[in-house]
C-alpha atoms as a PDB file:
ATOM      1  CA  MET A   1     -69.340 -56.312 -60.449  1.00  0.00           C
ATOM      2  CA  ILE A   2     -69.632 -57.636 -56.593  1.00  0.00           C
ATOM      3  CA  ALA A   3     -67.037 -60.285 -54.748  1.00  0.00           C
ATOM      4  CA  VAL A   4     -69.098 -63.786 -54.618  1.00  0.00           C
ATOM      5  CA  ARG A   5     -67.538 -63.449 -50.668  1.00  0.00           C
ATOM      6  CA  ASP A   6     -69.835 -59.925 -50.482  1.00  0.00           C
ATOM      7  CA  ILE A   7     -73.090 -61.688 -51.868  1.00  0.00           C
ATOM      8  CA  GLY A   8     -72.531 -64.686 -49.301  1.00  0.00           C
ATOM      9  CA  LYS A   9     -72.053 -61.812 -46.624  1.00  0.00           C
ATOM     10  CA  TYR A  10     -74.936 -60.361 -46.884  1.00  0.00           C
ATOM     11  CA  GLY A  11     -77.185 -63.546 -48.051  1.00  0.00           C
ATOM     12  CA  LEU A  12     -75.936 -64.793 -44.411  1.00  0.00           C
ATOM     13  CA  LEU A  13     -77.397 -61.501 -42.617  1.00  0.00           C
ATOM     14  CA  ALA A  14     -80.581 -61.843 -44.403  1.00  0.00           C
ATOM     15  CA  PHE A  15     -81.236 -65.136 -42.705  1.00  0.00           C
ATOM     16  CA  GLU A  16     -79.422 -63.868 -39.286  1.00  0.00           C
ATOM     17  CA  LYS A  17     -81.605 -60.677 -39.221  1.00  0.00           C
ATOM     18  CA  ALA A  18     -84.743 -62.002 -41.143  1.00  0.00           C
ATOM     19  CA  GLU A  19     -87.332 -60.269 -39.453  1.00  0.00           C
ATOM     20  CA  GLU A  20     -85.680 -57.184 -39.060  1.00  0.00           C
ATOM     21  CA  LEU A  21     -84.790 -57.169 -43.010  1.00  0.00           C
ATOM     22  CA  ASN A  22     -88.373 -58.940 -43.796  1.00  0.00           C
ATOM     23  CA  ARG A  23     -89.571 -56.698 -47.333  1.00  0.00           C
ATOM     24  CA  LYS A  24     -86.646 -54.631 -46.977  1.00  0.00           C
ATOM     25  CA  GLU A  25     -83.929 -54.079 -50.000  1.00  0.00           C
ATOM     26  CA  ILE A  26     -80.370 -54.376 -49.426  1.00  0.00           C
ATOM     27  CA  ASP A  27     -78.346 -52.661 -52.181  1.00  0.00           C
ATOM     28  CA  LEU A  28     -75.201 -54.170 -53.106  1.00  0.00           C
ATOM     29  CA  ALA A  29     -72.161 -52.762 -54.904  1.00  0.00           C
ATOM     30  CA  GLY A  30     -68.744 -53.598 -55.601  1.00  0.00           C
ATOM     31  CA  ASP A  31     -65.418 -51.289 -55.599  1.00  0.00           C
ATOM     32  CA  ALA A  32     -64.410 -53.303 -58.281  1.00  0.00           C
ATOM     33  CA  PRO A  33     -62.941 -51.261 -61.531  1.00  0.00           C
ATOM     34  CA  MET A  34     -65.648 -50.200 -64.150  1.00  0.00           C
ATOM     35  CA  SER A  35     -65.254 -51.756 -67.508  1.00  0.00           C
ATOM     36  CA  PRO A  36     -62.728 -49.395 -69.083  1.00  0.00           C
ATOM     37  CA  GLU A  37     -60.769 -49.476 -66.417  1.00  0.00           C
ATOM     38  CA  ALA A  38     -60.853 -53.253 -66.519  1.00  0.00           C
ATOM     39  CA  ALA A  39     -59.742 -53.311 -70.192  1.00  0.00           C
ATOM     40  CA  GLN A  40     -56.918 -51.145 -69.393  1.00  0.00           C
ATOM     41  CA  ILE A  41     -55.450 -53.700 -66.440  1.00  0.00           C
ATOM     42  CA  LEU A  42     -56.038 -56.484 -68.576  1.00  0.00           C
ATOM     43  CA  SER A  43     -54.222 -54.960 -71.288  1.00  0.00           C
ATOM     44  CA  ALA A  44     -51.431 -54.226 -69.151  1.00  0.00           C
ATOM     45  CA  ALA A  45     -51.331 -57.965 -67.572  1.00  0.00           C
ATOM     46  CA  ALA A  46     -52.019 -59.555 -71.291  1.00  0.00           C
ATOM     47  CA  GLY A  47     -49.419 -57.620 -73.134  1.00  0.00           C
ATOM     48  CA  ARG A  48     -51.705 -56.386 -75.751  1.00  0.00           C
ATOM     49  CA  THR A  49     -54.605 -53.996 -76.219  1.00  0.00           C
ATOM     50  CA  ILE A  50     -57.903 -55.015 -74.953  1.00  0.00           C
ATOM     51  CA  THR A  51     -60.726 -52.466 -75.483  1.00  0.00           C
ATOM     52  CA  PHE A  52     -63.895 -52.102 -73.675  1.00  0.00           C
ATOM     53  CA  GLN A  53     -67.074 -52.021 -76.150  1.00  0.00           C
ATOM     54  CA  PRO A  54     -70.064 -50.713 -74.656  1.00  0.00           C
ATOM     55  CA  VAL A  55     -73.319 -52.926 -75.678  1.00  0.00           C
ATOM     56  CA  PRO A  56     -76.451 -50.749 -76.083  1.00  0.00           C
ATOM     57  CA  ILE A  57     -78.727 -51.974 -72.936  1.00  0.00           C
ATOM     58  CA  ALA A  58     -81.524 -52.555 -76.004  1.00  0.00           C
ATOM     59  CA  GLU A  59     -79.069 -55.227 -77.024  1.00  0.00           C
ATOM     60  CA  VAL A  60     -78.840 -56.882 -73.538  1.00  0.00           C
ATOM     61  CA  ARG A  61     -82.500 -56.737 -73.235  1.00  0.00           C
ATOM     62  CA  LYS A  62     -82.778 -58.789 -75.779  1.00  0.00           C
ATOM     63  CA  ALA A  63     -80.722 -61.978 -74.168  1.00  0.00           C
ATOM     64  CA  SER A  64     -82.151 -61.252 -70.420  1.00  0.00           C
ATOM     65  CA  GLU A  65     -83.983 -58.447 -68.955  1.00  0.00           C
ATOM     66  CA  ASP A  66     -82.646 -59.461 -65.470  1.00  0.00           C
ATOM     67  CA  SER A  67     -78.953 -58.384 -66.988  1.00  0.00           C
ATOM     68  CA  ALA A  68     -80.262 -55.212 -68.516  1.00  0.00           C
ATOM     69  CA  LEU A  69     -82.056 -54.539 -65.152  1.00  0.00           C
ATOM     70  CA  MET A  70     -78.501 -55.132 -63.369  1.00  0.00           C
ATOM     71  CA  LEU A  71     -76.748 -52.924 -65.518  1.00  0.00           C
ATOM     72  CA  GLY A  72     -78.878 -50.028 -64.865  1.00  0.00           C
ATOM     73  CA  GLY A  73     -81.306 -50.075 -67.430  1.00  0.00           C
ATOM     74  CA  PRO A  74     -84.368 -48.628 -67.241  1.00  0.00           C
ATOM     75  CA  SER A  75     -87.673 -51.353 -66.903  1.00  0.00           C
ATOM     76  CA  ARG A  76     -89.846 -51.969 -69.526  1.00  0.00           C
ATOM     77  CA  GLY A  77     -92.845 -52.648 -67.644  1.00  0.00           C
END
């Protein structure tokens, strides 16, 4: 998970420094809570238990290869 503001910040940077960043990758990561911690926070706010249920990467990949890669699954090719 990453904040939209951070995506915009680095998107702007890519335009401003296009020549310098050409053919380079910028890894982005947010400081948002991971899913189990987010479930705990949501549980407290909602006043009921919300449980994090992990989904196997193979199941995610069936719906979207991009989502599987974003979540850290290995590439299929």
